[in-house]
Amino acid sequence: MKKNTSKIWNFEKMQGLGNDYIYFDCLDEPIENMRDVAKRLSNRNFGIGGDGVVFICPSQLADAKMRMFNADGSEAEMCGNAIRCVAKLMYDSGRVDKKRKKIDIGTLSGVKNIALNIKKGVVQSAKVNMGKPILDASKIPANFGIEEIISHETKFGGIQCVITCVSMGNPHCVVFVDTLKNFEVEKIGKLIENDPRFPQRANIEFVEISDEKNLKMRVWERGSGETLSCGTGACASVVAAVLNGYCQKNEDITVELLGGNLVINYTNDTVFMTGEATHVFSGTIEI
């Protein structure tokens, strides 16, 4: 008879602007088969429900390492909304010294530095140093036969698009549109995400310019479909807006998403992202 190796685990459900994930503290003990666990638990009918699952693991380079898996089980290099929630969970649960106002979290795209906004002993929001955007097409990766993909006209399934591609540790394709109202996010998002010119697929941002300091964005996330928010996508959209002359560097740009607003500042050295992190509920589950 096969030995029953299941175990009861505590989890936290958290969200950043509606981008909701299930969080497990694995600092003292690992969870095996993360990919399968993420696929099962992300299901909104037969699991806990979420855009994916985040595992908080030990790190020799930072306070902890974040491993994030999308709802389809694919692992993502980075997630801006999730990393703010990880920082909140680490601080609020006492995993880091309460005297600290900053925390470092490792990801597959490097260590990110996070400044905490704390009120009454609880993290309300966080400002993340997201690092310098990658524009080299070969490193995004995106294969369109040019070194930098900025305002590049091409077709996806017969649909003409003008795209700008950016990596914020994960691949993004930004498409500026006249209006997001009634825009076919799912139809076009699927086409672009799975285009073979993106060998690791891509996250797709559809962006409407309100003015030089305000953008509206909807996102089709690789492995999850349309979500209410995407932190790295908001960063990529502001970088793309600057590259296309819609916005300026060193300015706070508000990105309006379906789940709320993020403030992005693209400097010569890095991209800063500021937004809320919210605890939804705690629970236990057998894995």
C-alpha atoms as a PDB file:
ATOM      1  CA  MET A   1       0.000   0.000   0.000  1.00  0.00           C
ATOM      2  CA  LYS A   2       1.303   3.443  -0.937  1.00  0.00           C
ATOM      3  CA  LYS A   3       2.221   5.553   2.061  1.00  0.00           C
ATOM      4  CA  ASN A   4       0.047   8.623   2.607  1.00  0.00           C
ATOM      5  CA  THR A   5       2.443  11.567   2.613  1.00  0.00           C
ATOM      6  CA  SER A   6      -0.185  14.339   2.657  1.00  0.00           C
ATOM      7  CA  LYS A   7       0.130  17.145   5.176  1.00  0.00           C
ATOM      8  CA  ILE A   8      -2.009  19.997   6.442  1.00  0.00           C
ATOM      9  CA  TRP A   9      -0.585  23.356   5.354  1.00  0.00           C
ATOM     10  CA  ASN A  10      -1.484  26.882   6.396  1.00  0.00           C
ATOM     11  CA  PHE A  11      -2.004  29.331   3.541  1.00  0.00           C
ATOM     12  CA  GLU A  12      -2.807  32.996   3.087  1.00  0.00           C
ATOM     13  CA  LYS A  13      -4.994  34.446   0.355  1.00  0.00           C
ATOM     14  CA  MET A  14      -3.747  37.896  -0.631  1.00  0.00           C
ATOM     15  CA  GLN A  15      -4.318  40.331  -3.460  1.00  0.00           C
ATOM     16  CA  GLY A  16      -2.693  43.360  -5.017  1.00  0.00           C
ATOM     17  CA  LEU A  17      -5.290  45.368  -6.950  1.00  0.00           C
ATOM     18  CA  GLY A  18      -7.330  42.228  -7.534  1.00  0.00           C
ATOM     19  CA  ASN A  19      -4.337  40.171  -8.733  1.00  0.00           C
ATOM     20  CA  ASP A  20      -4.987  37.370  -6.238  1.00  0.00           C
ATOM     21  CA  TYR A  21      -2.630  34.568  -5.267  1.00  0.00           C
ATOM     22  CA  ILE A  22      -2.400  31.812  -2.659  1.00  0.00           C
ATOM     23  CA  TYR A  23       0.684  32.133  -0.455  1.00  0.00           C
ATOM     24  CA  PHE A  24       2.585  29.400   1.375  1.00  0.00           C
ATOM     25  CA  ASP A  25       5.371  30.021   3.885  1.00  0.00           C
ATOM     26  CA  CYS A  26       8.002  27.412   2.986  1.00  0.00           C
ATOM     27  CA  LEU A  27      10.874  28.973   4.910  1.00  0.00           C
ATOM     28  CA  ASP A  28      11.053  26.076   7.362  1.00  0.00           C
ATOM     29  CA  GLU A  29       9.763  23.224   5.207  1.00  0.00           C
ATOM     30  CA  PRO A  30       9.417  22.878   1.412  1.00  0.00           C
ATOM     31  CA  ILE A  31       6.337  21.931  -0.550  1.00  0.00           C
ATOM     32  CA  GLU A  32       6.987  19.349  -3.253  1.00  0.00           C
ATOM     33  CA  ASN A  33       5.469  19.389  -6.756  1.00  0.00           C
ATOM     34  CA  MET A  34       4.853  23.137  -6.747  1.00  0.00           C
ATOM     35  CA  ARG A  35       3.659  23.133 -10.342  1.00  0.00           C
ATOM     36  CA  ASP A  36       0.925  20.558  -9.690  1.00  0.00           C
ATOM     37  CA  VAL A  37      -0.087  22.218  -6.432  1.00  0.00           C
ATOM     38  CA  ALA A  38      -0.476  25.548  -8.230  1.00  0.00           C
ATOM     39  CA  LYS A  39      -2.653  24.092 -10.992  1.00  0.00           C
ATOM     40  CA  ARG A  40      -4.943  22.321  -8.516  1.00  0.00           C
ATOM     41  CA  LEU A  41      -5.325  25.089  -5.950  1.00  0.00           C
ATOM     42  CA  SER A  42      -5.711  27.957  -8.435  1.00  0.00           C
ATOM     43  CA  ASN A  43      -8.890  26.418  -9.827  1.00  0.00           C
ATOM     44  CA  ARG A  44     -11.752  28.671  -8.744  1.00  0.00           C
ATOM     45  CA  ASN A  45     -14.304  25.855  -8.760  1.00  0.00           C
ATOM     46  CA  PHE A  46     -12.364  22.893  -7.373  1.00  0.00           C
ATOM     47  CA  GLY A  47      -9.530  24.601  -5.474  1.00  0.00           C
ATOM     48  CA  ILE A  48      -9.005  27.685  -3.357  1.00  0.00           C
ATOM     49  CA  GLY A  49      -9.053  29.925  -6.420  1.00  0.00           C
ATOM     50  CA  GLY A  50      -6.551  32.495  -7.610  1.00  0.00           C
ATOM     51  CA  ASP A  51      -4.373  33.760 -10.447  1.00  0.00           C
ATOM     52  CA  GLY A  52      -1.669  31.414  -9.169  1.00  0.00           C
ATOM     53  CA  VAL A  53       0.286  30.236  -6.133  1.00  0.00           C
ATOM     54  CA  VAL A  54       3.305  31.859  -4.474  1.00  0.00           C
ATOM     55  CA  PHE A  55       5.789  29.875  -2.390  1.00  0.00           C
ATOM     56  CA  ILE A  56       8.015  31.839   0.015  1.00  0.00           C
ATOM     57  CA  CYS A  57      11.309  29.957   0.196  1.00  0.00           C
ATOM     58  CA  PRO A  58      14.700  30.397   1.901  1.00  0.00           C
ATOM     59  CA  SER A  59      17.361  32.508   0.185  1.00  0.00           C
ATOM     60  CA  GLN A  60      21.065  33.026   0.776  1.00  0.00           C
ATOM     61  CA  LEU A  61      20.936  36.376  -1.031  1.00  0.00           C
ATOM     62  CA  ALA A  62      17.808  37.980   0.422  1.00  0.00           C
ATOM     63  CA  ASP A  63      15.303  37.777   3.274  1.00  0.00           C
ATOM     64  CA  ALA A  64      13.381  35.189   1.251  1.00  0.00           C
ATOM     65  CA  LYS A  65      12.894  33.960  -2.292  1.00  0.00           C
ATOM     66  CA  MET A  66       9.567  34.131  -4.104  1.00  0.00           C
ATOM     67  CA  ARG A  67       8.602  31.341  -6.480  1.00  0.00           C
ATOM     68  CA  MET A  68       5.414  32.116  -8.363  1.00  0.00           C
ATOM     69  CA  PHE A  69       3.394  29.719 -10.497  1.00  0.00           C
ATOM     70  CA  ASN A  70       0.541  30.772 -12.769  1.00  0.00           C
ATOM     71  CA  ALA A  71      -2.847  29.099 -12.758  1.00  0.00           C
ATOM     72  CA  ASP A  72      -1.752  26.787 -15.604  1.00  0.00           C
ATOM     73  CA  GLY A  73       1.263  25.592 -13.603  1.00  0.00           C
ATOM     74  CA  SER A  74       3.872  27.576 -15.529  1.00  0.00           C
ATOM     75  CA  GLU A  75       6.484  29.334 -13.398  1.00  0.00           C
ATOM     76  CA  ALA A  76       6.898  33.099 -13.808  1.00  0.00           C
ATOM     77  CA  GLU A  77      10.159  34.937 -13.329  1.00  0.00           C
ATOM     78  CA  MET A  78       8.588  37.864 -11.510  1.00  0.00           C
ATOM     79  CA  CYS A  79       5.254  39.331 -10.397  1.00  0.00           C
ATOM     80  CA  GLY A  80       5.014  42.906  -9.164  1.00  0.00           C
ATOM     81  CA  ASN A  81       1.713  42.550  -7.326  1.00  0.00           C
ATOM     82  CA  ALA A  82       2.756  39.284  -5.688  1.00  0.00           C
ATOM     83  CA  ILE A  83       6.100  40.581  -4.429  1.00  0.00           C
ATOM     84  CA  ARG A  84       4.383  43.414  -2.556  1.00  0.00           C
ATOM     85  CA  CYS A  85       2.168  40.841  -0.860  1.00  0.00           C
ATOM     86  CA  VAL A  86       5.193  38.687   0.014  1.00  0.00           C
ATOM     87  CA  ALA A  87       6.839  41.691   1.659  1.00  0.00           C
ATOM     88  CA  LYS A  88       3.662  42.423   3.632  1.00  0.00           C
ATOM     89  CA  LEU A  89       3.336  38.805   4.734  1.00  0.00           C
ATOM     90  CA  MET A  90       6.971  38.624   5.813  1.00  0.00           C
ATOM     91  CA  TYR A  91       6.672  41.804   7.883  1.00  0.00           C
ATOM     92  CA  ASP A  92       3.182  41.334   9.329  1.00  0.00           C
ATOM     93  CA  SER A  93       3.915  37.737  10.396  1.00  0.00           C
ATOM     94  CA  GLY A  94       7.178  38.710  12.103  1.00  0.00           C
ATOM     95  CA  ARG A  95       9.439  36.889   9.671  1.00  0.00           C
ATOM     96  CA  VAL A  96      11.585  40.050   9.568  1.00  0.00           C
ATOM     97  CA  ASP A  97      12.457  42.498  12.343  1.00  0.00           C
ATOM     98  CA  LYS A  98       9.579  44.913  12.959  1.00  0.00           C
ATOM     99  CA  LYS A  99      12.078  47.772  13.191  1.00  0.00           C
ATOM    100  CA  ARG A 100      12.901  47.410   9.529  1.00  0.00           C
ATOM    101  CA  LYS A 101      11.274  49.517   6.836  1.00  0.00           C
ATOM    102  CA  LYS A 102      12.871  47.716   3.896  1.00  0.00           C
ATOM    103  CA  ILE A 103      13.036  44.094   2.801  1.00  0.00           C
ATOM    104  CA  ASP A 104      14.808  42.174   0.019  1.00  0.00           C
ATOM    105  CA  ILE A 105      13.041  39.405  -1.893  1.00  0.00           C
ATOM    106  CA  GLY A 106      14.762  37.101  -4.377  1.00  0.00           C
ATOM    107  CA  THR A 107      13.064  36.152  -7.652  1.00  0.00           C
ATOM    108  CA  LEU A 108      14.050  34.315 -10.809  1.00  0.00           C
ATOM    109  CA  SER A 109      14.850  37.757 -12.256  1.00  0.00           C
ATOM    110  CA  GLY A 110      17.077  38.815  -9.349  1.00  0.00           C
ATOM    111  CA  VAL A 111      16.746  40.348  -5.887  1.00  0.00           C
ATOM    112  CA  LYS A 112      14.199  43.155  -5.549  1.00  0.00           C
ATOM    113  CA  ASN A 113      14.411  45.859  -2.881  1.00  0.00           C
ATOM    114  CA  ILE A 114      11.106  46.857  -1.295  1.00  0.00           C
ATOM    115  CA  ALA A 115      10.333  49.895   0.890  1.00  0.00           C
ATOM    116  CA  LEU A 116       7.386  49.343   3.239  1.00  0.00           C
ATOM    117  CA  ASN A 117       4.637  51.830   4.071  1.00  0.00           C
ATOM    118  CA  ILE A 118       3.583  50.807   7.586  1.00  0.00           C
ATOM    119  CA  LYS A 119       0.594  52.068   9.559  1.00  0.00           C
ATOM    120  CA  LYS A 120      -0.279  50.813  13.051  1.00  0.00           C
ATOM    121  CA  GLY A 121       2.232  47.993  12.696  1.00  0.00           C
ATOM    122  CA  VAL A 122       0.794  46.654   9.432  1.00  0.00           C
ATOM    123  CA  VAL A 123       2.068  47.084   5.866  1.00  0.00           C
ATOM    124  CA  GLN A 124      -0.431  49.084   3.800  1.00  0.00           C
ATOM    125  CA  SER A 125       1.528  49.485   0.594  1.00  0.00           C
ATOM    126  CA  ALA A 126       5.014  49.003  -0.780  1.00  0.00           C
ATOM    127  CA  LYS A 127       7.424  50.634  -3.214  1.00  0.00           C
ATOM    128  CA  VAL A 128       9.414  48.114  -5.225  1.00  0.00           C
ATOM    129  CA  ASN A 129      12.670  48.786  -7.034  1.00  0.00           C
ATOM    130  CA  MET A 130      11.921  46.691 -10.100  1.00  0.00           C
ATOM    131  CA  GLY A 131      15.326  47.141 -11.723  1.00  0.00           C
ATOM    132  CA  LYS A 132      16.266  48.381 -15.149  1.00  0.00           C
ATOM    133  CA  PRO A 133      13.989  47.354 -18.045  1.00  0.00           C
ATOM    134  CA  ILE A 134      15.455  45.101 -20.720  1.00  0.00           C
ATOM    135  CA  LEU A 135      14.954  46.318 -24.289  1.00  0.00           C
ATOM    136  CA  ASP A 136      17.339  43.942 -26.085  1.00  0.00           C
ATOM    137  CA  ALA A 137      14.964  41.747 -28.080  1.00  0.00           C
ATOM    138  CA  SER A 138      17.159  38.664 -27.717  1.00  0.00           C
ATOM    139  CA  LYS A 139      16.946  38.930 -23.919  1.00  0.00           C
ATOM    140  CA  ILE A 140      13.202  39.599 -23.684  1.00  0.00           C
ATOM    141  CA  PRO A 141      13.058  37.181 -25.657  1.00  0.00           C
ATOM    142  CA  ALA A 142      11.223  38.275 -28.808  1.00  0.00           C
ATOM    143  CA  ASN A 143      12.253  37.286 -32.324  1.00  0.00           C
ATOM    144  CA  PHE A 144      11.189  39.980 -34.791  1.00  0.00           C
ATOM    145  CA  GLY A 145      14.493  40.414 -36.629  1.00  0.00           C
ATOM    146  CA  ILE A 146      15.387  43.719 -34.937  1.00  0.00           C
ATOM    147  CA  GLU A 147      17.463  44.557 -31.867  1.00  0.00           C
ATOM    148  CA  GLU A 148      14.854  46.717 -30.099  1.00  0.00           C
ATOM    149  CA  ILE A 149      11.125  46.399 -30.704  1.00  0.00           C
ATOM    150  CA  ILE A 150       9.760  49.917 -30.291  1.00  0.00           C
ATOM    151  CA  SER A 151       6.655  51.011 -32.194  1.00  0.00           C
ATOM    152  CA  HIS A 152       7.068  48.026 -34.504  1.00  0.00           C
ATOM    153  CA  GLU A 153       4.266  47.270 -36.951  1.00  0.00           C
ATOM    154  CA  THR A 154       3.455  43.595 -37.435  1.00  0.00           C
ATOM    155  CA  LYS A 155       0.571  41.134 -37.750  1.00  0.00           C
ATOM    156  CA  PHE A 156      -0.762  38.473 -35.414  1.00  0.00           C
ATOM    157  CA  GLY A 157      -3.194  36.069 -37.054  1.00  0.00           C
ATOM    158  CA  GLY A 158      -3.923  38.653 -39.734  1.00  0.00           C
ATOM    159  CA  ILE A 159      -4.555  41.445 -37.197  1.00  0.00           C
ATOM    160  CA  GLN A 160      -2.326  44.490 -37.624  1.00  0.00           C
ATOM    161  CA  CYS A 161      -0.676  45.729 -34.404  1.00  0.00           C
ATOM    162  CA  VAL A 162       1.990  48.229 -33.435  1.00  0.00           C
ATOM    163  CA  ILE A 163       3.988  46.767 -30.549  1.00  0.00           C
ATOM    164  CA  THR A 164       6.703  47.743 -28.091  1.00  0.00           C
ATOM    165  CA  CYS A 165       8.417  44.909 -26.238  1.00  0.00           C
ATOM    166  CA  VAL A 166       9.994  45.177 -22.796  1.00  0.00           C
ATOM    167  CA  SER A 167      11.222  42.724 -20.190  1.00  0.00           C
ATOM    168  CA  MET A 168      10.792  43.513 -16.509  1.00  0.00           C
ATOM    169  CA  GLY A 169      12.350  40.153 -15.682  1.00  0.00           C
ATOM    170  CA  ASN A 170       9.499  38.605 -17.665  1.00  0.00           C
ATOM    171  CA  PRO A 171       8.448  39.276 -21.282  1.00  0.00           C
ATOM    172  CA  HIS A 172       5.884  41.960 -22.125  1.00  0.00           C
ATOM    173  CA  CYS A 173       4.353  43.156 -25.361  1.00  0.00           C
ATOM    174  CA  VAL A 174       2.667  46.570 -25.114  1.00  0.00           C
ATOM    175  CA  VAL A 175       0.009  47.647 -27.621  1.00  0.00           C
ATOM    176  CA  PHE A 176      -1.292  51.234 -27.538  1.00  0.00           C
ATOM    177  CA  VAL A 177      -4.965  51.568 -28.490  1.00  0.00           C
ATOM    178  CA  ASP A 178      -7.306  54.515 -29.028  1.00  0.00           C
ATOM    179  CA  THR A 179      -9.811  53.197 -26.499  1.00  0.00           C
ATOM    180  CA  LEU A 180     -10.069  50.167 -24.223  1.00  0.00           C
ATOM    181  CA  LYS A 181     -13.863  50.254 -24.274  1.00  0.00           C
ATOM    182  CA  ASN A 182     -15.138  47.026 -25.909  1.00  0.00           C
ATOM    183  CA  PHE A 183     -11.566  46.089 -26.899  1.00  0.00           C
ATOM    184  CA  GLU A 184     -11.145  42.376 -27.718  1.00  0.00           C
ATOM    185  CA  VAL A 185      -8.543  41.657 -25.017  1.00  0.00           C
ATOM    186  CA  GLU A 186      -9.028  37.883 -24.974  1.00  0.00           C
ATOM    187  CA  LYS A 187      -9.031  37.375 -28.740  1.00  0.00           C
ATOM    188  CA  ILE A 188      -5.943  39.470 -29.461  1.00  0.00           C
ATOM    189  CA  GLY A 189      -4.214  38.646 -26.174  1.00  0.00           C
ATOM    190  CA  LYS A 190      -4.303  34.918 -26.923  1.00  0.00           C
ATOM    191  CA  LEU A 191      -2.927  35.471 -30.421  1.00  0.00           C
ATOM    192  CA  ILE A 192       0.034  37.515 -29.246  1.00  0.00           C
ATOM    193  CA  GLU A 193       0.788  35.465 -26.111  1.00  0.00           C
ATOM    194  CA  ASN A 194       1.193  32.266 -28.092  1.00  0.00           C
ATOM    195  CA  ASP A 195       2.887  33.688 -31.185  1.00  0.00           C
ATOM    196  CA  PRO A 196       6.046  31.644 -31.931  1.00  0.00           C
ATOM    197  CA  ARG A 197       8.087  34.847 -32.103  1.00  0.00           C
ATOM    198  CA  PHE A 198       7.785  34.888 -28.316  1.00  0.00           C
ATOM    199  CA  PRO A 199       9.615  31.634 -27.443  1.00  0.00           C
ATOM    200  CA  GLN A 200       8.671  31.933 -23.747  1.00  0.00           C
ATOM    201  CA  ARG A 201       5.243  33.381 -24.585  1.00  0.00           C
ATOM    202  CA  ALA A 202       4.471  36.931 -23.424  1.00  0.00           C
ATOM    203  CA  ASN A 203       2.280  39.067 -21.200  1.00  0.00           C
ATOM    204  CA  ILE A 204       0.216  41.471 -23.296  1.00  0.00           C
ATOM    205  CA  GLU A 205      -0.697  44.999 -22.185  1.00  0.00           C
ATOM    206  CA  PHE A 206      -3.320  47.040 -24.024  1.00  0.00           C
ATOM    207  CA  VAL A 207      -2.849  50.697 -23.099  1.00  0.00           C
ATOM    208  CA  GLU A 208      -4.948  53.806 -23.597  1.00  0.00           C
ATOM    209  CA  ILE A 209      -3.190  57.146 -23.065  1.00  0.00           C
ATOM    210  CA  SER A 210      -5.275  59.524 -20.914  1.00  0.00           C
ATOM    211  CA  ASP A 211      -2.583  62.194 -20.654  1.00  0.00           C
ATOM    212  CA  GLU A 212       1.182  62.403 -20.016  1.00  0.00           C
ATOM    213  CA  LYS A 213       0.798  61.299 -16.405  1.00  0.00           C
ATOM    214  CA  ASN A 214      -2.118  58.856 -16.617  1.00  0.00           C
ATOM    215  CA  LEU A 215      -2.558  55.581 -18.507  1.00  0.00           C
ATOM    216  CA  LYS A 216      -5.357  53.033 -18.625  1.00  0.00           C
ATOM    217  CA  MET A 217      -4.350  49.399 -19.034  1.00  0.00           C
ATOM    218  CA  ARG A 218      -5.882  45.958 -19.455  1.00  0.00           C
ATOM    219  CA  VAL A 219      -3.665  42.913 -19.345  1.00  0.00           C
ATOM    220  CA  TRP A 220      -3.655  39.425 -20.780  1.00  0.00           C
ATOM    221  CA  GLU A 221      -1.247  37.480 -18.549  1.00  0.00           C
ATOM    222  CA  ARG A 222       0.799  34.567 -19.789  1.00  0.00           C
ATOM    223  CA  GLY A 223      -0.634  31.402 -18.255  1.00  0.00           C
ATOM    224  CA  SER A 224      -3.565  33.107 -16.497  1.00  0.00           C
ATOM    225  CA  GLY A 225      -5.616  34.999 -19.088  1.00  0.00           C
ATOM    226  CA  GLU A 226      -7.011  38.453 -18.379  1.00  0.00           C
ATOM    227  CA  THR A 227      -6.403  39.539 -14.795  1.00  0.00           C
ATOM    228  CA  LEU A 228      -7.466  42.616 -12.869  1.00  0.00           C
ATOM    229  CA  SER A 229      -3.909  43.861 -12.502  1.00  0.00           C
ATOM    230  CA  CYS A 230      -0.271  43.182 -13.382  1.00  0.00           C
ATOM    231  CA  GLY A 231       2.568  45.033 -11.657  1.00  0.00           C
ATOM    232  CA  THR A 232       5.319  44.170 -14.116  1.00  0.00           C
ATOM    233  CA  GLY A 233       2.870  44.932 -16.932  1.00  0.00           C
ATOM    234  CA  ALA A 234       2.204  48.400 -15.534  1.00  0.00           C
ATOM    235  CA  CYS A 235       5.965  48.992 -15.372  1.00  0.00           C
ATOM    236  CA  ALA A 236       6.440  47.770 -18.938  1.00  0.00           C
ATOM    237  CA  SER A 237       3.584  49.990 -20.119  1.00  0.00           C
ATOM    238  CA  VAL A 238       5.127  53.126 -18.606  1.00  0.00           C
ATOM    239  CA  VAL A 239       8.534  52.249 -20.078  1.00  0.00           C
ATOM    240  CA  ALA A 240       6.869  51.768 -23.466  1.00  0.00           C
ATOM    241  CA  ALA A 241       4.945  55.041 -23.073  1.00  0.00           C
ATOM    242  CA  VAL A 242       8.209  56.899 -22.414  1.00  0.00           C
ATOM    243  CA  LEU A 243       9.935  55.219 -25.368  1.00  0.00           C
ATOM    244  CA  ASN A 244       7.043  56.233 -27.622  1.00  0.00           C
ATOM    245  CA  GLY A 245       7.007  59.840 -26.391  1.00  0.00           C
ATOM    246  CA  TYR A 246       3.710  59.723 -24.502  1.00  0.00           C
ATOM    247  CA  CYS A 247       5.237  60.188 -21.017  1.00  0.00           C
ATOM    248  CA  GLN A 248       8.456  61.484 -19.467  1.00  0.00           C
ATOM    249  CA  LYS A 249      11.130  59.844 -17.335  1.00  0.00           C
ATOM    250  CA  ASN A 250      11.455  60.681 -13.626  1.00  0.00           C
ATOM    251  CA  GLU A 251       7.725  61.393 -13.325  1.00  0.00           C
ATOM    252  CA  ASP A 252       5.114  59.553 -11.265  1.00  0.00           C
ATOM    253  CA  ILE A 253       2.776  57.964 -13.815  1.00  0.00           C
ATOM    254  CA  THR A 254      -0.549  56.573 -12.595  1.00  0.00           C
ATOM    255  CA  VAL A 255      -1.632  53.370 -14.337  1.00  0.00           C
ATOM    256  CA  GLU A 256      -5.344  52.667 -13.989  1.00  0.00           C
ATOM    257  CA  LEU A 257      -6.101  48.943 -14.051  1.00  0.00           C
ATOM    258  CA  LEU A 258      -9.360  47.066 -13.597  1.00  0.00           C
ATOM    259  CA  GLY A 259      -8.378  46.336  -9.992  1.00  0.00           C
ATOM    260  CA  GLY A 260      -7.110  49.808  -9.041  1.00  0.00           C
ATOM    261  CA  ASN A 261      -4.135  52.098  -9.572  1.00  0.00           C
ATOM    262  CA  LEU A 262      -0.363  51.672  -9.500  1.00  0.00           C
ATOM    263  CA  VAL A 263       2.149  54.518  -9.511  1.00  0.00           C
ATOM    264  CA  ILE A 264       5.193  53.899 -11.729  1.00  0.00           C
ATOM    265  CA  ASN A 265       8.333  56.022 -12.031  1.00  0.00           C
ATOM    266  CA  TYR A 266      10.837  55.192 -14.784  1.00  0.00           C
ATOM    267  CA  THR A 267      14.243  56.734 -14.075  1.00  0.00           C
ATOM    268  CA  ASN A 268      17.569  56.452 -15.881  1.00  0.00           C
ATOM    269  CA  ASP A 269      18.605  53.688 -13.494  1.00  0.00           C
ATOM    270  CA  THR A 270      15.501  51.697 -12.625  1.00  0.00           C
ATOM    271  CA  VAL A 271      11.703  51.470 -12.483  1.00  0.00           C
ATOM    272  CA  PHE A 272       9.854  52.062  -9.207  1.00  0.00           C
ATOM    273  CA  MET A 273       6.396  50.588  -8.615  1.00  0.00           C
ATOM    274  CA  THR A 274       4.176  51.659  -5.707  1.00  0.00           C
ATOM    275  CA  GLY A 275       0.903  49.976  -4.804  1.00  0.00           C
ATOM    276  CA  GLU A 276      -1.231  48.376  -2.132  1.00  0.00           C
ATOM    277  CA  ALA A 277      -0.980  44.852  -0.720  1.00  0.00           C
ATOM    278  CA  THR A 278      -4.025  43.335   0.966  1.00  0.00           C
ATOM    279  CA  HIS A 279      -4.601  40.241   3.097  1.00  0.00           C
ATOM    280  CA  VAL A 280      -7.909  38.531   2.242  1.00  0.00           C
ATOM    281  CA  PHE A 281      -8.119  35.474   4.505  1.00  0.00           C
ATOM    282  CA  SER A 282      -6.156  32.636   6.117  1.00  0.00           C
ATOM    283  CA  GLY A 283      -6.889  28.933   5.822  1.00  0.00           C
ATOM    284  CA  THR A 284      -5.577  25.387   5.930  1.00  0.00           C
ATOM    285  CA  ILE A 285      -5.547  22.736   3.233  1.00  0.00           C
ATOM    286  CA  GLU A 286      -4.327  19.183   2.827  1.00  0.00           C
ATOM    287  CA  ILE A 287      -1.573  18.735   0.246  1.00  0.00           C
END
